[in-house]
């Protein structure tokens, strides 16, 4: 299958690219710069020039593909609403090029999940085999630049690793390689209108995450109040206190997806790169 992949050089996208290639698919990656195009060429992948704001380019890339996986996203927290709007327009543009084709279109939901879901439901009714993957707060693994590395950096800066109150609130997590496998299975087999949970660890107590960070950094592990959370964690203050367990049982049954990689705690215990920077 010729697959148009946005975000192909990103943290998750590069793993999806390898997963697709290893399964025999031909990948065309969206490249917004010469550097991105060069990285794709190094791994033997054709590039399609453009970015998520270039809607005509996205339509062309989707129109010439047998399927699309959309992973590009502008993680600009200073204008997050603008990033969500741009993502929604990108989904609409690529979807319009696939209408009536029966081709697969896989996206990731962000905080615009409801709006994106409405678009994807509409596209499914218009003959596109849509599926939405919802990932976890932690997609961990080699090269992680997400929430857990931020927690580690905060602990280094503050001199202790913290959790909120009793720390029994739970975070789900998934390894990036398991997530990449899920995207491929969604492309190949997910029924139109599928909503898929990319979850391996269904709910790790936040206190356990704080404890392993403290152990690896040789720092004390401290409980803080909800009132202190925003000052300590910054923009992660609310998320650090949320209890958000999730299950992927239905996703695993639907696609025969079996997470096989290390869980988050084991990955933090074994992967030195999280703590060497």
C-alpha atoms as a PDB file:
ATOM      1  CA  UNK A   1       0.000   0.000   0.000  1.00  0.00           C
ATOM      2  CA  UNK A   2       1.260   3.513  -0.819  1.00  0.00           C
ATOM      3  CA  UNK A   3       0.830   5.424   2.450  1.00  0.00           C
ATOM      4  CA  UNK A   4       0.927   9.205   2.844  1.00  0.00           C
ATOM      5  CA  UNK A   5       2.337   9.835   6.323  1.00  0.00           C
ATOM      6  CA  UNK A   6       2.372  13.262   7.953  1.00  0.00           C
ATOM      7  CA  UNK A   7       4.723  13.759  10.878  1.00  0.00           C
ATOM      8  CA  UNK A   8       6.976  11.109   9.353  1.00  0.00           C
ATOM      9  CA  UNK A   9      10.180  12.424  10.956  1.00  0.00           C
ATOM     10  CA  UNK A  10       8.643  13.012  14.378  1.00  0.00           C
ATOM     11  CA  UNK A  11       8.976  10.979  17.555  1.00  0.00           C
ATOM     12  CA  UNK A  12       5.972   8.732  16.909  1.00  0.00           C
ATOM     13  CA  UNK A  13       5.874   9.207  13.140  1.00  0.00           C
ATOM     14  CA  UNK A  14       9.408   7.887  12.632  1.00  0.00           C
ATOM     15  CA  UNK A  15       8.438   4.703  14.485  1.00  0.00           C
ATOM     16  CA  UNK A  16       5.284   4.383  12.363  1.00  0.00           C
ATOM     17  CA  UNK A  17       7.401   4.877   9.236  1.00  0.00           C
ATOM     18  CA  UNK A  18       9.664   1.953  10.199  1.00  0.00           C
ATOM     19  CA  UNK A  19       6.663  -0.188  11.117  1.00  0.00           C
ATOM     20  CA  UNK A  20       5.061   0.445   7.719  1.00  0.00           C
ATOM     21  CA  UNK A  21       8.275  -0.165   5.765  1.00  0.00           C
ATOM     22  CA  UNK A  22       8.977  -3.402   7.616  1.00  0.00           C
ATOM     23  CA  UNK A  23       5.474  -4.584   6.723  1.00  0.00           C
ATOM     24  CA  UNK A  24       6.125  -3.943   3.019  1.00  0.00           C
ATOM     25  CA  UNK A  25       4.242  -0.689   2.559  1.00  0.00           C
ATOM     26  CA  UNK A  26       5.560   2.153   0.415  1.00  0.00           C
ATOM     27  CA  UNK A  27       5.713   5.336   2.499  1.00  0.00           C
ATOM     28  CA  UNK A  28       5.598   8.921   1.255  1.00  0.00           C
ATOM     29  CA  UNK A  29       6.383  11.327   4.083  1.00  0.00           C
ATOM     30  CA  UNK A  30       5.265  14.923   4.345  1.00  0.00           C
ATOM     31  CA  UNK A  31       8.400  17.111   4.508  1.00  0.00           C
ATOM     32  CA  UNK A  32       8.181  20.780   5.419  1.00  0.00           C
ATOM     33  CA  UNK A  33      11.920  21.453   5.071  1.00  0.00           C
ATOM     34  CA  UNK A  34      15.039  20.336   3.239  1.00  0.00           C
ATOM     35  CA  UNK A  35      16.242  18.772   6.490  1.00  0.00           C
ATOM     36  CA  UNK A  36      13.073  16.665   6.809  1.00  0.00           C
ATOM     37  CA  UNK A  37      13.303  15.612   3.161  1.00  0.00           C
ATOM     38  CA  UNK A  38      16.945  14.601   3.679  1.00  0.00           C
ATOM     39  CA  UNK A  39      16.048  12.502   6.743  1.00  0.00           C
ATOM     40  CA  UNK A  40      13.382  10.688   4.755  1.00  0.00           C
ATOM     41  CA  UNK A  41      15.793  10.086   1.875  1.00  0.00           C
ATOM     42  CA  UNK A  42      18.339   8.588   4.304  1.00  0.00           C
ATOM     43  CA  UNK A  43      15.862   5.866   5.255  1.00  0.00           C
ATOM     44  CA  UNK A  44      14.769   5.267   1.673  1.00  0.00           C
ATOM     45  CA  UNK A  45      11.437   7.085   1.799  1.00  0.00           C
ATOM     46  CA  UNK A  46      10.056   9.502  -0.784  1.00  0.00           C
ATOM     47  CA  UNK A  47       9.049  12.938   0.427  1.00  0.00           C
ATOM     48  CA  UNK A  48       6.100  15.160  -0.423  1.00  0.00           C
ATOM     49  CA  UNK A  49       6.863  18.825   0.231  1.00  0.00           C
ATOM     50  CA  UNK A  50       4.416  20.870   2.267  1.00  0.00           C
ATOM     51  CA  UNK A  51       3.172  21.322   5.817  1.00  0.00           C
ATOM     52  CA  UNK A  52      -0.088  21.055   7.729  1.00  0.00           C
ATOM     53  CA  UNK A  53      -1.004  24.639   6.844  1.00  0.00           C
ATOM     54  CA  UNK A  54      -0.613  23.973   3.101  1.00  0.00           C
ATOM     55  CA  UNK A  55      -4.017  22.421   2.495  1.00  0.00           C
ATOM     56  CA  UNK A  56      -3.595  22.052  -1.264  1.00  0.00           C
ATOM     57  CA  UNK A  57      -0.394  20.089  -0.719  1.00  0.00           C
ATOM     58  CA  UNK A  58      -2.144  17.854   1.808  1.00  0.00           C
ATOM     59  CA  UNK A  59      -4.974  17.163  -0.646  1.00  0.00           C
ATOM     60  CA  UNK A  60      -2.476  16.215  -3.349  1.00  0.00           C
ATOM     61  CA  UNK A  61      -0.562  13.933  -1.022  1.00  0.00           C
ATOM     62  CA  UNK A  62      -3.728  12.168   0.094  1.00  0.00           C
ATOM     63  CA  UNK A  63      -5.167  11.903  -3.420  1.00  0.00           C
ATOM     64  CA  UNK A  64      -2.141   9.994  -4.744  1.00  0.00           C
ATOM     65  CA  UNK A  65      -2.023   7.536  -1.820  1.00  0.00           C
ATOM     66  CA  UNK A  66      -3.755   4.255  -1.047  1.00  0.00           C
ATOM     67  CA  UNK A  67      -4.113   5.338   2.565  1.00  0.00           C
ATOM     68  CA  UNK A  68      -3.230   8.178   4.925  1.00  0.00           C
ATOM     69  CA  UNK A  69      -1.903   8.329   8.483  1.00  0.00           C
ATOM     70  CA  UNK A  70      -1.938  11.822   9.957  1.00  0.00           C
ATOM     71  CA  UNK A  71       0.479  12.439  12.832  1.00  0.00           C
ATOM     72  CA  UNK A  72       1.799  15.961  12.223  1.00  0.00           C
ATOM     73  CA  UNK A  73       0.769  18.486  14.864  1.00  0.00           C
ATOM     74  CA  UNK A  74       2.084  21.875  15.907  1.00  0.00           C
ATOM     75  CA  UNK A  75       2.737  21.515  19.647  1.00  0.00           C
ATOM     76  CA  UNK A  76       2.617  25.257  20.283  1.00  0.00           C
ATOM     77  CA  UNK A  77       1.221  25.614  23.791  1.00  0.00           C
ATOM     78  CA  UNK A  78       1.290  29.410  23.466  1.00  0.00           C
ATOM     79  CA  UNK A  79      -1.372  29.144  20.743  1.00  0.00           C
ATOM     80  CA  UNK A  80      -2.878  25.723  21.326  1.00  0.00           C
ATOM     81  CA  UNK A  81      -6.317  26.715  20.042  1.00  0.00           C
ATOM     82  CA  UNK A  82      -4.703  27.797  16.785  1.00  0.00           C
ATOM     83  CA  UNK A  83      -2.841  24.489  16.549  1.00  0.00           C
ATOM     84  CA  UNK A  84      -6.092  22.567  17.066  1.00  0.00           C
ATOM     85  CA  UNK A  85      -7.836  24.611  14.372  1.00  0.00           C
ATOM     86  CA  UNK A  86      -4.979  24.017  11.923  1.00  0.00           C
ATOM     87  CA  UNK A  87      -5.103  20.287  12.656  1.00  0.00           C
ATOM     88  CA  UNK A  88      -8.838  20.152  12.054  1.00  0.00           C
ATOM     89  CA  UNK A  89      -8.454  21.953   8.714  1.00  0.00           C
ATOM     90  CA  UNK A  90      -5.714  19.495   7.736  1.00  0.00           C
ATOM     91  CA  UNK A  91      -7.996  16.544   8.534  1.00  0.00           C
ATOM     92  CA  UNK A  92     -10.813  18.081   6.498  1.00  0.00           C
ATOM     93  CA  UNK A  93      -8.495  18.746   3.537  1.00  0.00           C
ATOM     94  CA  UNK A  94      -7.040  15.244   3.360  1.00  0.00           C
ATOM     95  CA  UNK A  95     -10.422  13.688   4.022  1.00  0.00           C
ATOM     96  CA  UNK A  96     -11.964  15.578   1.130  1.00  0.00           C
ATOM     97  CA  UNK A  97      -9.393  14.029  -1.215  1.00  0.00           C
ATOM     98  CA  UNK A  98     -10.379  10.532  -0.042  1.00  0.00           C
ATOM     99  CA  UNK A  99     -14.168  10.801  -0.235  1.00  0.00           C
ATOM    100  CA  UNK A 100     -15.823   7.877  -1.989  1.00  0.00           C
ATOM    101  CA  UNK A 101     -12.568   5.948  -2.297  1.00  0.00           C
ATOM    102  CA  UNK A 102     -12.948   3.411   0.511  1.00  0.00           C
ATOM    103  CA  UNK A 103      -9.321   4.151   1.431  1.00  0.00           C
ATOM    104  CA  UNK A 104      -8.128   4.171   5.061  1.00  0.00           C
ATOM    105  CA  UNK A 105      -7.557   7.438   6.894  1.00  0.00           C
ATOM    106  CA  UNK A 106      -6.051   7.241  10.393  1.00  0.00           C
ATOM    107  CA  UNK A 107      -5.684  10.268  12.649  1.00  0.00           C
ATOM    108  CA  UNK A 108      -4.748  11.018  16.242  1.00  0.00           C
ATOM    109  CA  UNK A 109      -7.204  12.839  18.437  1.00  0.00           C
ATOM    110  CA  UNK A 110      -5.961  15.771  20.506  1.00  0.00           C
ATOM    111  CA  UNK A 111      -8.029  18.092  22.683  1.00  0.00           C
ATOM    112  CA  UNK A 112     -10.213  18.672  19.627  1.00  0.00           C
ATOM    113  CA  UNK A 113     -11.360  15.051  19.838  1.00  0.00           C
ATOM    114  CA  UNK A 114     -15.065  15.828  19.538  1.00  0.00           C
ATOM    115  CA  UNK A 115     -14.658  18.105  16.512  1.00  0.00           C
ATOM    116  CA  UNK A 116     -12.291  15.660  14.838  1.00  0.00           C
ATOM    117  CA  UNK A 117     -14.631  12.783  15.579  1.00  0.00           C
ATOM    118  CA  UNK A 118     -17.517  14.606  13.899  1.00  0.00           C
ATOM    119  CA  UNK A 119     -15.402  15.145  10.781  1.00  0.00           C
ATOM    120  CA  UNK A 120     -14.283  11.520  10.740  1.00  0.00           C
ATOM    121  CA  UNK A 121     -17.836  10.236  11.206  1.00  0.00           C
ATOM    122  CA  UNK A 122     -18.943  12.389   8.291  1.00  0.00           C
ATOM    123  CA  UNK A 123     -16.073  11.076   6.166  1.00  0.00           C
ATOM    124  CA  UNK A 124     -16.965   7.485   7.062  1.00  0.00           C
ATOM    125  CA  UNK A 125     -20.454   8.161   5.769  1.00  0.00           C
ATOM    126  CA  UNK A 126     -18.843   9.529   2.586  1.00  0.00           C
ATOM    127  CA  UNK A 127     -16.907   6.366   1.802  1.00  0.00           C
ATOM    128  CA  UNK A 128     -13.656   6.818   3.726  1.00  0.00           C
ATOM    129  CA  UNK A 129     -12.441   4.046   6.058  1.00  0.00           C
ATOM    130  CA  UNK A 130     -11.708   6.352   8.972  1.00  0.00           C
ATOM    131  CA  UNK A 131     -10.224   5.506  12.342  1.00  0.00           C
ATOM    132  CA  UNK A 132      -9.130   7.624  15.284  1.00  0.00           C
ATOM    133  CA  UNK A 133      -6.280   6.623  17.594  1.00  0.00           C
ATOM    134  CA  UNK A 134      -6.308   8.133  21.072  1.00  0.00           C
ATOM    135  CA  UNK A 135      -2.915   7.988  22.735  1.00  0.00           C
ATOM    136  CA  UNK A 136      -1.860   8.313  26.386  1.00  0.00           C
ATOM    137  CA  UNK A 137      -0.274  11.207  28.278  1.00  0.00           C
ATOM    138  CA  UNK A 138       2.918   9.153  28.147  1.00  0.00           C
ATOM    139  CA  UNK A 139       4.050   7.627  24.863  1.00  0.00           C
ATOM    140  CA  UNK A 140       7.418   6.499  26.139  1.00  0.00           C
ATOM    141  CA  UNK A 141      10.566   5.100  24.580  1.00  0.00           C
ATOM    142  CA  UNK A 142      13.868   6.140  23.054  1.00  0.00           C
ATOM    143  CA  UNK A 143      13.817   9.818  22.095  1.00  0.00           C
ATOM    144  CA  UNK A 144      10.808  10.741  24.259  1.00  0.00           C
ATOM    145  CA  UNK A 145      10.352  14.522  24.544  1.00  0.00           C
ATOM    146  CA  UNK A 146       6.887  14.489  26.107  1.00  0.00           C
ATOM    147  CA  UNK A 147       5.435  14.805  29.580  1.00  0.00           C
ATOM    148  CA  UNK A 148       7.699  12.357  31.447  1.00  0.00           C
ATOM    149  CA  UNK A 149      10.939  14.110  30.391  1.00  0.00           C
ATOM    150  CA  UNK A 150       9.325  17.362  31.552  1.00  0.00           C
ATOM    151  CA  UNK A 151       8.576  15.769  34.932  1.00  0.00           C
ATOM    152  CA  UNK A 152      12.203  14.658  35.157  1.00  0.00           C
ATOM    153  CA  UNK A 153      13.466  18.140  34.337  1.00  0.00           C
ATOM    154  CA  UNK A 154      11.124  19.686  36.917  1.00  0.00           C
ATOM    155  CA  UNK A 155      12.449  17.279  39.554  1.00  0.00           C
ATOM    156  CA  UNK A 156      16.026  18.232  38.695  1.00  0.00           C
ATOM    157  CA  UNK A 157      15.188  21.935  38.876  1.00  0.00           C
ATOM    158  CA  UNK A 158      13.194  21.762  42.116  1.00  0.00           C
ATOM    159  CA  UNK A 159      15.461  19.259  43.850  1.00  0.00           C
ATOM    160  CA  UNK A 160      12.742  16.707  44.544  1.00  0.00           C
ATOM    161  CA  UNK A 161      10.252  14.524  42.665  1.00  0.00           C
ATOM    162  CA  UNK A 162       6.631  15.325  43.491  1.00  0.00           C
ATOM    163  CA  UNK A 163       3.168  13.857  43.319  1.00  0.00           C
ATOM    164  CA  UNK A 164      -0.134  15.469  44.275  1.00  0.00           C
ATOM    165  CA  UNK A 165      -1.708  14.569  47.628  1.00  0.00           C
ATOM    166  CA  UNK A 166      -1.711  10.753  47.929  1.00  0.00           C
ATOM    167  CA  UNK A 167      -0.595  10.290  44.326  1.00  0.00           C
ATOM    168  CA  UNK A 168      -3.122   7.537  43.686  1.00  0.00           C
ATOM    169  CA  UNK A 169      -4.420   9.204  40.518  1.00  0.00           C
ATOM    170  CA  UNK A 170      -3.561   7.051  37.509  1.00  0.00           C
ATOM    171  CA  UNK A 171      -1.950   7.734  34.143  1.00  0.00           C
ATOM    172  CA  UNK A 172      -2.200   5.342  31.182  1.00  0.00           C
ATOM    173  CA  UNK A 173       0.893   4.819  29.050  1.00  0.00           C
ATOM    174  CA  UNK A 174       2.060   3.086  25.871  1.00  0.00           C
ATOM    175  CA  UNK A 175       5.461   2.441  24.307  1.00  0.00           C
ATOM    176  CA  UNK A 176       6.035   4.260  21.007  1.00  0.00           C
ATOM    177  CA  UNK A 177       6.770   0.968  19.200  1.00  0.00           C
ATOM    178  CA  UNK A 178       3.499  -0.556  20.397  1.00  0.00           C
ATOM    179  CA  UNK A 179       1.727   2.628  19.305  1.00  0.00           C
ATOM    180  CA  UNK A 180       3.371   2.406  15.880  1.00  0.00           C
ATOM    181  CA  UNK A 181       2.129  -1.157  15.500  1.00  0.00           C
ATOM    182  CA  UNK A 182      -1.403  -0.015  16.344  1.00  0.00           C
ATOM    183  CA  UNK A 183      -1.316   2.659  13.629  1.00  0.00           C
ATOM    184  CA  UNK A 184      -0.331   0.050  11.045  1.00  0.00           C
ATOM    185  CA  UNK A 185      -3.092  -2.316  12.118  1.00  0.00           C
ATOM    186  CA  UNK A 186      -5.589   0.540  11.986  1.00  0.00           C
ATOM    187  CA  UNK A 187      -4.477   1.385   8.449  1.00  0.00           C
ATOM    188  CA  UNK A 188      -4.752  -2.202   7.317  1.00  0.00           C
ATOM    189  CA  UNK A 189      -7.801  -3.485   9.146  1.00  0.00           C
ATOM    190  CA  UNK A 190      -9.798  -1.011  11.221  1.00  0.00           C
ATOM    191  CA  UNK A 191     -13.467  -0.736  10.196  1.00  0.00           C
ATOM    192  CA  UNK A 192     -14.767   2.676   9.165  1.00  0.00           C
ATOM    193  CA  UNK A 193     -15.595   4.867  12.130  1.00  0.00           C
ATOM    194  CA  UNK A 194     -13.326   3.025  14.577  1.00  0.00           C
ATOM    195  CA  UNK A 195     -12.120   4.767  17.706  1.00  0.00           C
ATOM    196  CA  UNK A 196      -9.018   3.059  19.084  1.00  0.00           C
ATOM    197  CA  UNK A 197      -7.329   3.383  22.473  1.00  0.00           C
ATOM    198  CA  UNK A 198      -3.548   3.180  22.269  1.00  0.00           C
ATOM    199  CA  UNK A 199      -3.087   1.967  25.847  1.00  0.00           C
ATOM    200  CA  UNK A 200      -0.701  -0.620  27.320  1.00  0.00           C
ATOM    201  CA  UNK A 201      -0.424   0.393  30.996  1.00  0.00           C
ATOM    202  CA  UNK A 202      -4.060   1.081  31.859  1.00  0.00           C
ATOM    203  CA  UNK A 203      -3.365   3.207  34.910  1.00  0.00           C
ATOM    204  CA  UNK A 204      -0.058   3.774  36.711  1.00  0.00           C
ATOM    205  CA  UNK A 205      -0.382   5.629  40.040  1.00  0.00           C
ATOM    206  CA  UNK A 206       1.308   8.990  39.570  1.00  0.00           C
ATOM    207  CA  UNK A 207       3.134   8.401  42.849  1.00  0.00           C
ATOM    208  CA  UNK A 208       4.879   5.392  41.247  1.00  0.00           C
ATOM    209  CA  UNK A 209       6.091   7.586  38.381  1.00  0.00           C
ATOM    210  CA  UNK A 210       7.365  10.184  40.852  1.00  0.00           C
ATOM    211  CA  UNK A 211       9.099   7.490  42.906  1.00  0.00           C
ATOM    212  CA  UNK A 212      11.023   5.979  40.014  1.00  0.00           C
ATOM    213  CA  UNK A 213      12.085   9.474  38.911  1.00  0.00           C
ATOM    214  CA  UNK A 214      13.299  10.188  42.440  1.00  0.00           C
ATOM    215  CA  UNK A 215      15.158   6.881  42.625  1.00  0.00           C
ATOM    216  CA  UNK A 216      16.909   7.398  39.294  1.00  0.00           C
ATOM    217  CA  UNK A 217      17.912  10.968  40.191  1.00  0.00           C
ATOM    218  CA  UNK A 218      18.696  10.177  43.838  1.00  0.00           C
ATOM    219  CA  UNK A 219      16.239  12.844  44.935  1.00  0.00           C
ATOM    220  CA  UNK A 220      13.589  12.827  47.664  1.00  0.00           C
ATOM    221  CA  UNK A 221      10.006  12.049  46.672  1.00  0.00           C
ATOM    222  CA  UNK A 222       7.496  14.480  48.163  1.00  0.00           C
ATOM    223  CA  UNK A 223       3.721  14.842  48.304  1.00  0.00           C
ATOM    224  CA  UNK A 224       2.439  18.329  47.489  1.00  0.00           C
ATOM    225  CA  UNK A 225      -1.052  19.804  47.776  1.00  0.00           C
ATOM    226  CA  UNK A 226      -3.350  20.562  44.866  1.00  0.00           C
ATOM    227  CA  UNK A 227      -2.839  24.240  45.611  1.00  0.00           C
ATOM    228  CA  UNK A 228       0.916  23.795  45.105  1.00  0.00           C
ATOM    229  CA  UNK A 229       0.623  21.718  41.934  1.00  0.00           C
ATOM    230  CA  UNK A 230       0.417  24.527  39.374  1.00  0.00           C
ATOM    231  CA  UNK A 231       3.365  26.351  40.893  1.00  0.00           C
ATOM    232  CA  UNK A 232       5.444  23.167  40.974  1.00  0.00           C
ATOM    233  CA  UNK A 233       4.499  21.548  37.658  1.00  0.00           C
ATOM    234  CA  UNK A 234       3.614  24.647  35.615  1.00  0.00           C
ATOM    235  CA  UNK A 235       1.217  23.854  32.770  1.00  0.00           C
ATOM    236  CA  UNK A 236       1.307  20.193  33.833  1.00  0.00           C
ATOM    237  CA  UNK A 237      -0.188  21.038  37.212  1.00  0.00           C
ATOM    238  CA  UNK A 238      -3.739  20.014  36.341  1.00  0.00           C
ATOM    239  CA  UNK A 239      -2.686  16.912  34.415  1.00  0.00           C
ATOM    240  CA  UNK A 240      -0.433  15.742  37.242  1.00  0.00           C
ATOM    241  CA  UNK A 241      -3.480  15.454  39.508  1.00  0.00           C
ATOM    242  CA  UNK A 242      -5.895  13.847  37.050  1.00  0.00           C
ATOM    243  CA  UNK A 243      -7.098  10.273  37.441  1.00  0.00           C
ATOM    244  CA  UNK A 244      -7.441   9.137  33.823  1.00  0.00           C
ATOM    245  CA  UNK A 245      -7.169   5.342  33.552  1.00  0.00           C
ATOM    246  CA  UNK A 246      -8.065   3.854  30.172  1.00  0.00           C
ATOM    247  CA  UNK A 247      -8.528   0.393  28.755  1.00  0.00           C
ATOM    248  CA  UNK A 248      -7.602  -0.906  25.315  1.00  0.00           C
ATOM    249  CA  UNK A 249      -9.418  -4.232  25.676  1.00  0.00           C
ATOM    250  CA  UNK A 250     -11.851  -3.518  22.837  1.00  0.00           C
ATOM    251  CA  UNK A 251      -9.051  -2.219  20.598  1.00  0.00           C
ATOM    252  CA  UNK A 252      -6.938  -5.296  21.251  1.00  0.00           C
ATOM    253  CA  UNK A 253      -9.871  -7.567  20.463  1.00  0.00           C
ATOM    254  CA  UNK A 254     -10.846  -5.652  17.330  1.00  0.00           C
ATOM    255  CA  UNK A 255      -7.402  -5.573  15.721  1.00  0.00           C
ATOM    256  CA  UNK A 256      -5.573  -8.392  17.545  1.00  0.00           C
ATOM    257  CA  UNK A 257      -3.172  -5.756  18.834  1.00  0.00           C
ATOM    258  CA  UNK A 258      -0.935  -6.976  21.651  1.00  0.00           C
ATOM    259  CA  UNK A 259       1.398  -4.464  23.355  1.00  0.00           C
ATOM    260  CA  UNK A 260       4.741  -6.237  23.758  1.00  0.00           C
ATOM    261  CA  UNK A 261       7.209  -3.543  24.792  1.00  0.00           C
ATOM    262  CA  UNK A 262       8.318  -2.491  28.275  1.00  0.00           C
ATOM    263  CA  UNK A 263       5.803  -0.685  30.447  1.00  0.00           C
ATOM    264  CA  UNK A 264       6.528   2.882  31.526  1.00  0.00           C
ATOM    265  CA  UNK A 265       8.003   2.085  34.954  1.00  0.00           C
ATOM    266  CA  UNK A 266      10.284  -0.635  33.568  1.00  0.00           C
ATOM    267  CA  UNK A 267      11.316   1.651  30.722  1.00  0.00           C
ATOM    268  CA  UNK A 268      12.259   4.411  33.171  1.00  0.00           C
ATOM    269  CA  UNK A 269      14.215   1.926  35.271  1.00  0.00           C
ATOM    270  CA  UNK A 270      16.145   0.520  32.300  1.00  0.00           C
ATOM    271  CA  UNK A 271      16.537   3.401  29.879  1.00  0.00           C
ATOM    272  CA  UNK A 272      19.350   5.700  30.939  1.00  0.00           C
ATOM    273  CA  UNK A 273      18.632   8.257  28.227  1.00  0.00           C
ATOM    274  CA  UNK A 274      15.714   9.587  30.256  1.00  0.00           C
ATOM    275  CA  UNK A 275      18.101  10.713  32.979  1.00  0.00           C
ATOM    276  CA  UNK A 276      21.373  11.469  31.187  1.00  0.00           C
ATOM    277  CA  UNK A 277      20.411  14.873  29.749  1.00  0.00           C
END
